[in-house]
Amino acid sequence: MIRIMARITARAGSEGELRQVLQELPGPSRGEEGCLGYELFLNEDDPCEFVTVEQWRDQAAADAHLNSAHVVSVIGRASGLLAQTPLIHRFRQLA
């Protein structure tokens, strides 16, 4: 299993619009082959910071997700709303 955590930071003033765009990700992502879990969080201490926590069966499923139509669409619409490039980290469970 692959676990991915992505930190996404909105440009000041665009957090509401980015939130709407990002909320389009969980539903279709959860329906993808190999998706074991997909959650979207908002940092309660910083309304500009969002985090996705994803679980994928394997790297191939995670890669397919990044190339899916809904992810490509969201990335395109979110690009002008971001303060920085999203920080994406991949984890493997050890214990």
N, C-alpha and C. Protein backbone atom coordinates (compact mmCIF):
# COMPACT_ATOMS: atom_id res chain seq x y z
N MET A 1 0.84 -1.18 0.00
CA MET A 1 0.00 0.00 0.00
C MET A 1 0.88 1.24 0.00
N ILE A 2 0.48 2.24 -0.73
CA ILE A 2 1.15 3.53 -0.79
C ILE A 2 0.23 4.56 -0.14
N ARG A 3 0.78 5.37 0.71
CA ARG A 3 0.03 6.46 1.31
C ARG A 3 0.65 7.76 0.84
N ILE A 4 -0.17 8.67 0.36
CA ILE A 4 0.31 9.96 -0.15
C ILE A 4 -0.35 11.07 0.65
N MET A 5 0.47 12.02 1.07
CA MET A 5 -0.04 13.20 1.74
C MET A 5 0.44 14.41 0.96
N ALA A 6 -0.51 15.25 0.58
CA ALA A 6 -0.19 16.44 -0.19
C ALA A 6 -0.63 17.67 0.59
N ARG A 7 0.28 18.62 0.72
CA ARG A 7 -0.02 19.89 1.37
C ARG A 7 -0.20 20.93 0.28
N ILE A 8 -1.38 21.54 0.25
CA ILE A 8 -1.75 22.48 -0.80
C ILE A 8 -2.06 23.81 -0.14
N THR A 9 -1.38 24.86 -0.55
CA THR A 9 -1.52 26.17 0.08
C THR A 9 -2.13 27.17 -0.90
N ALA A 10 -3.23 27.76 -0.48
CA ALA A 10 -3.92 28.76 -1.30
C ALA A 10 -3.21 30.11 -1.23
N ARG A 11 -3.27 30.81 -2.33
CA ARG A 11 -2.82 32.20 -2.36
C ARG A 11 -3.82 32.99 -1.51
N ALA A 12 -3.35 33.94 -0.71
CA ALA A 12 -4.22 34.73 0.16
C ALA A 12 -5.37 35.33 -0.65
N GLY A 13 -6.56 35.14 -0.16
CA GLY A 13 -7.74 35.66 -0.83
C GLY A 13 -8.40 34.66 -1.76
N SER A 14 -7.73 33.56 -2.07
CA SER A 14 -8.31 32.56 -2.98
C SER A 14 -8.67 31.26 -2.27
N GLU A 15 -8.61 31.25 -0.95
CA GLU A 15 -8.85 30.01 -0.22
C GLU A 15 -10.25 29.45 -0.43
N GLY A 16 -11.26 30.30 -0.51
CA GLY A 16 -12.62 29.81 -0.74
C GLY A 16 -12.77 29.17 -2.11
N GLU A 17 -12.22 29.80 -3.12
CA GLU A 17 -12.30 29.26 -4.48
C GLU A 17 -11.50 27.95 -4.58
N LEU A 18 -10.32 27.92 -3.97
CA LEU A 18 -9.53 26.70 -4.01
C LEU A 18 -10.24 25.57 -3.27
N ARG A 19 -10.87 25.90 -2.17
CA ARG A 19 -11.62 24.88 -1.41
C ARG A 19 -12.68 24.24 -2.29
N GLN A 20 -13.43 25.05 -3.03
CA GLN A 20 -14.46 24.52 -3.92
C GLN A 20 -13.87 23.59 -4.97
N VAL A 21 -12.75 23.98 -5.55
CA VAL A 21 -12.10 23.16 -6.58
C VAL A 21 -11.62 21.85 -5.98
N LEU A 22 -10.95 21.92 -4.82
CA LEU A 22 -10.40 20.71 -4.21
C LEU A 22 -11.48 19.74 -3.75
N GLN A 23 -12.65 20.25 -3.39
CA GLN A 23 -13.73 19.38 -2.93
C GLN A 23 -14.28 18.50 -4.05
N GLU A 24 -13.85 18.76 -5.28
CA GLU A 24 -14.25 17.91 -6.40
C GLU A 24 -13.40 16.64 -6.50
N LEU A 25 -12.33 16.56 -5.74
CA LEU A 25 -11.41 15.42 -5.84
C LEU A 25 -11.85 14.14 -5.12
N PRO A 26 -12.30 14.21 -3.87
CA PRO A 26 -12.54 12.96 -3.14
C PRO A 26 -13.52 11.99 -3.78
N GLY A 27 -14.68 12.44 -4.22
CA GLY A 27 -15.68 11.53 -4.77
C GLY A 27 -15.18 10.69 -5.93
N PRO A 28 -14.74 11.34 -7.02
CA PRO A 28 -14.24 10.56 -8.16
C PRO A 28 -12.99 9.75 -7.81
N SER A 29 -12.13 10.28 -6.95
CA SER A 29 -10.91 9.57 -6.59
C SER A 29 -11.22 8.28 -5.85
N ARG A 30 -12.19 8.33 -4.95
CA ARG A 30 -12.57 7.13 -4.20
C ARG A 30 -13.12 6.03 -5.10
N GLY A 31 -13.64 6.40 -6.26
CA GLY A 31 -14.16 5.42 -7.20
C GLY A 31 -13.12 4.83 -8.13
N GLU A 32 -11.89 5.31 -8.06
CA GLU A 32 -10.84 4.83 -8.95
C GLU A 32 -10.36 3.44 -8.54
N GLU A 33 -9.96 2.66 -9.55
CA GLU A 33 -9.37 1.35 -9.31
C GLU A 33 -8.11 1.51 -8.46
N GLY A 34 -8.04 0.78 -7.38
CA GLY A 34 -6.85 0.82 -6.53
C GLY A 34 -6.89 1.84 -5.41
N CYS A 35 -7.95 2.65 -5.34
CA CYS A 35 -8.05 3.64 -4.25
C CYS A 35 -8.59 2.95 -3.00
N LEU A 36 -7.82 3.03 -1.92
CA LEU A 36 -8.22 2.44 -0.65
C LEU A 36 -8.72 3.50 0.32
N GLY A 37 -8.53 4.76 -0.02
CA GLY A 37 -8.99 5.86 0.82
C GLY A 37 -8.53 7.19 0.27
N TYR A 38 -9.37 8.21 0.40
CA TYR A 38 -9.02 9.55 -0.07
C TYR A 38 -9.75 10.55 0.81
N GLU A 39 -9.00 11.40 1.52
CA GLU A 39 -9.59 12.38 2.41
C GLU A 39 -8.99 13.75 2.13
N LEU A 40 -9.80 14.78 2.32
CA LEU A 40 -9.37 16.16 2.15
C LEU A 40 -9.59 16.89 3.47
N PHE A 41 -8.57 17.59 3.94
CA PHE A 41 -8.64 18.30 5.21
C PHE A 41 -8.31 19.77 5.03
N LEU A 42 -8.88 20.59 5.91
CA LEU A 42 -8.55 22.02 6.00
C LEU A 42 -7.90 22.24 7.35
N ASN A 43 -6.77 22.93 7.35
CA ASN A 43 -6.07 23.25 8.59
C ASN A 43 -6.90 24.30 9.35
N GLU A 44 -7.37 23.95 10.53
CA GLU A 44 -8.20 24.88 11.31
C GLU A 44 -7.42 26.10 11.79
N ASP A 45 -6.10 26.01 11.83
CA ASP A 45 -5.29 27.13 12.27
C ASP A 45 -4.83 28.01 11.11
N ASP A 46 -5.01 27.54 9.89
CA ASP A 46 -4.59 28.28 8.70
C ASP A 46 -5.54 27.96 7.55
N PRO A 47 -6.52 28.83 7.29
CA PRO A 47 -7.53 28.54 6.27
C PRO A 47 -6.99 28.49 4.84
N CYS A 48 -5.72 28.79 4.66
CA CYS A 48 -5.09 28.69 3.33
C CYS A 48 -4.48 27.32 3.09
N GLU A 49 -4.41 26.48 4.13
CA GLU A 49 -3.72 25.19 4.00
C GLU A 49 -4.70 24.02 3.96
N PHE A 50 -4.55 23.22 2.92
CA PHE A 50 -5.33 22.00 2.74
C PHE A 50 -4.37 20.82 2.68
N VAL A 51 -4.86 19.65 3.08
CA VAL A 51 -4.05 18.43 3.02
C VAL A 51 -4.93 17.31 2.48
N THR A 52 -4.39 16.56 1.54
CA THR A 52 -5.06 15.32 1.13
C THR A 52 -4.28 14.16 1.73
N VAL A 53 -5.01 13.15 2.16
CA VAL A 53 -4.43 11.91 2.67
C VAL A 53 -5.03 10.80 1.82
N GLU A 54 -4.17 10.15 1.06
CA GLU A 54 -4.61 9.15 0.09
C GLU A 54 -3.96 7.80 0.40
N GLN A 55 -4.70 6.73 0.11
CA GLN A 55 -4.18 5.38 0.23
C GLN A 55 -4.45 4.67 -1.09
N TRP A 56 -3.38 4.13 -1.67
CA TRP A 56 -3.48 3.45 -2.96
C TRP A 56 -2.93 2.04 -2.84
N ARG A 57 -3.51 1.13 -3.57
CA ARG A 57 -3.10 -0.28 -3.55
C ARG A 57 -1.62 -0.42 -3.89
N ASP A 58 -1.16 0.33 -4.89
CA ASP A 58 0.23 0.25 -5.32
C ASP A 58 0.60 1.52 -6.09
N GLN A 59 1.85 1.61 -6.49
CA GLN A 59 2.33 2.80 -7.19
C GLN A 59 1.62 3.00 -8.52
N ALA A 60 1.29 1.91 -9.20
CA ALA A 60 0.60 2.02 -10.49
C ALA A 60 -0.77 2.69 -10.33
N ALA A 61 -1.49 2.36 -9.27
CA ALA A 61 -2.79 2.99 -9.02
C ALA A 61 -2.63 4.48 -8.69
N ALA A 62 -1.60 4.81 -7.91
CA ALA A 62 -1.34 6.21 -7.58
C ALA A 62 -0.97 7.00 -8.83
N ASP A 63 -0.16 6.41 -9.69
CA ASP A 63 0.22 7.07 -10.93
C ASP A 63 -0.98 7.28 -11.85
N ALA A 64 -1.84 6.28 -11.95
CA ALA A 64 -3.04 6.40 -12.78
C ALA A 64 -3.93 7.52 -12.26
N HIS A 65 -4.02 7.66 -10.96
CA HIS A 65 -4.81 8.73 -10.34
C HIS A 65 -4.31 10.10 -10.81
N LEU A 66 -3.01 10.29 -10.79
CA LEU A 66 -2.45 11.59 -11.19
C LEU A 66 -2.73 11.93 -12.65
N ASN A 67 -2.96 10.92 -13.46
CA ASN A 67 -3.25 11.14 -14.88
C ASN A 67 -4.74 11.08 -15.21
N SER A 68 -5.59 10.91 -14.20
CA SER A 68 -7.03 10.82 -14.45
C SER A 68 -7.58 12.18 -14.87
N ALA A 69 -8.68 12.16 -15.60
CA ALA A 69 -9.27 13.39 -16.14
C ALA A 69 -9.65 14.37 -15.03
N HIS A 70 -10.22 13.88 -13.93
CA HIS A 70 -10.66 14.82 -12.88
C HIS A 70 -9.47 15.46 -12.17
N VAL A 71 -8.37 14.74 -12.00
CA VAL A 71 -7.19 15.33 -11.37
C VAL A 71 -6.55 16.36 -12.30
N VAL A 72 -6.43 16.03 -13.56
CA VAL A 72 -5.85 16.96 -14.53
C VAL A 72 -6.68 18.24 -14.59
N SER A 73 -8.00 18.10 -14.55
CA SER A 73 -8.89 19.27 -14.57
C SER A 73 -8.70 20.14 -13.33
N VAL A 74 -8.67 19.51 -12.16
CA VAL A 74 -8.51 20.25 -10.90
C VAL A 74 -7.15 20.96 -10.86
N ILE A 75 -6.10 20.27 -11.30
CA ILE A 75 -4.78 20.89 -11.30
C ILE A 75 -4.78 22.13 -12.19
N GLY A 76 -5.41 22.03 -13.34
CA GLY A 76 -5.47 23.17 -14.24
C GLY A 76 -6.21 24.35 -13.66
N ARG A 77 -7.33 24.10 -13.00
CA ARG A 77 -8.13 25.18 -12.43
C ARG A 77 -7.53 25.73 -11.14
N ALA A 78 -6.78 24.90 -10.42
CA ALA A 78 -6.20 25.34 -9.15
C ALA A 78 -4.89 26.10 -9.31
N SER A 79 -4.22 25.94 -10.43
CA SER A 79 -2.86 26.48 -10.57
C SER A 79 -2.76 27.97 -10.26
N GLY A 80 -3.71 28.77 -10.67
CA GLY A 80 -3.66 30.21 -10.40
C GLY A 80 -4.09 30.59 -9.00
N LEU A 81 -4.54 29.62 -8.21
CA LEU A 81 -5.04 29.89 -6.86
C LEU A 81 -4.02 29.52 -5.78
N LEU A 82 -2.89 28.98 -6.20
CA LEU A 82 -1.91 28.45 -5.26
C LEU A 82 -0.84 29.47 -4.87
N ALA A 83 -0.43 29.41 -3.61
CA ALA A 83 0.67 30.25 -3.14
C ALA A 83 2.01 29.63 -3.49
N GLN A 84 2.04 28.31 -3.67
CA GLN A 84 3.28 27.59 -3.98
C GLN A 84 2.91 26.24 -4.59
N THR A 85 3.89 25.58 -5.14
CA THR A 85 3.68 24.24 -5.67
C THR A 85 3.31 23.31 -4.52
N PRO A 86 2.28 22.46 -4.71
CA PRO A 86 1.92 21.53 -3.64
C PRO A 86 3.10 20.64 -3.23
N LEU A 87 3.18 20.38 -1.94
CA LEU A 87 4.22 19.49 -1.40
C LEU A 87 3.62 18.10 -1.29
N ILE A 88 4.15 17.17 -2.06
CA ILE A 88 3.59 15.82 -2.11
C ILE A 88 4.61 14.84 -1.55
N HIS A 89 4.15 14.05 -0.58
CA HIS A 89 5.02 13.08 0.09
C HIS A 89 4.38 11.71 -0.01
N ARG A 90 5.18 10.69 -0.34
CA ARG A 90 4.72 9.31 -0.44
C ARG A 90 5.30 8.53 0.74
N PHE A 91 4.45 7.73 1.36
CA PHE A 91 4.86 6.96 2.53
C PHE A 91 4.51 5.49 2.36
N ARG A 92 5.33 4.64 2.94
CA ARG A 92 5.04 3.22 3.08
C ARG A 92 4.98 2.92 4.57
N GLN A 93 3.95 2.19 4.98
CA GLN A 93 3.78 1.84 6.38
C GLN A 93 4.86 0.83 6.79
N LEU A 94 5.49 1.10 7.90
CA LEU A 94 6.53 0.21 8.42
C LEU A 94 6.05 -0.67 9.56
N ALA A 95 5.10 -0.18 10.32
CA ALA A 95 4.61 -0.96 11.47
C ALA A 95 3.14 -0.70 11.69
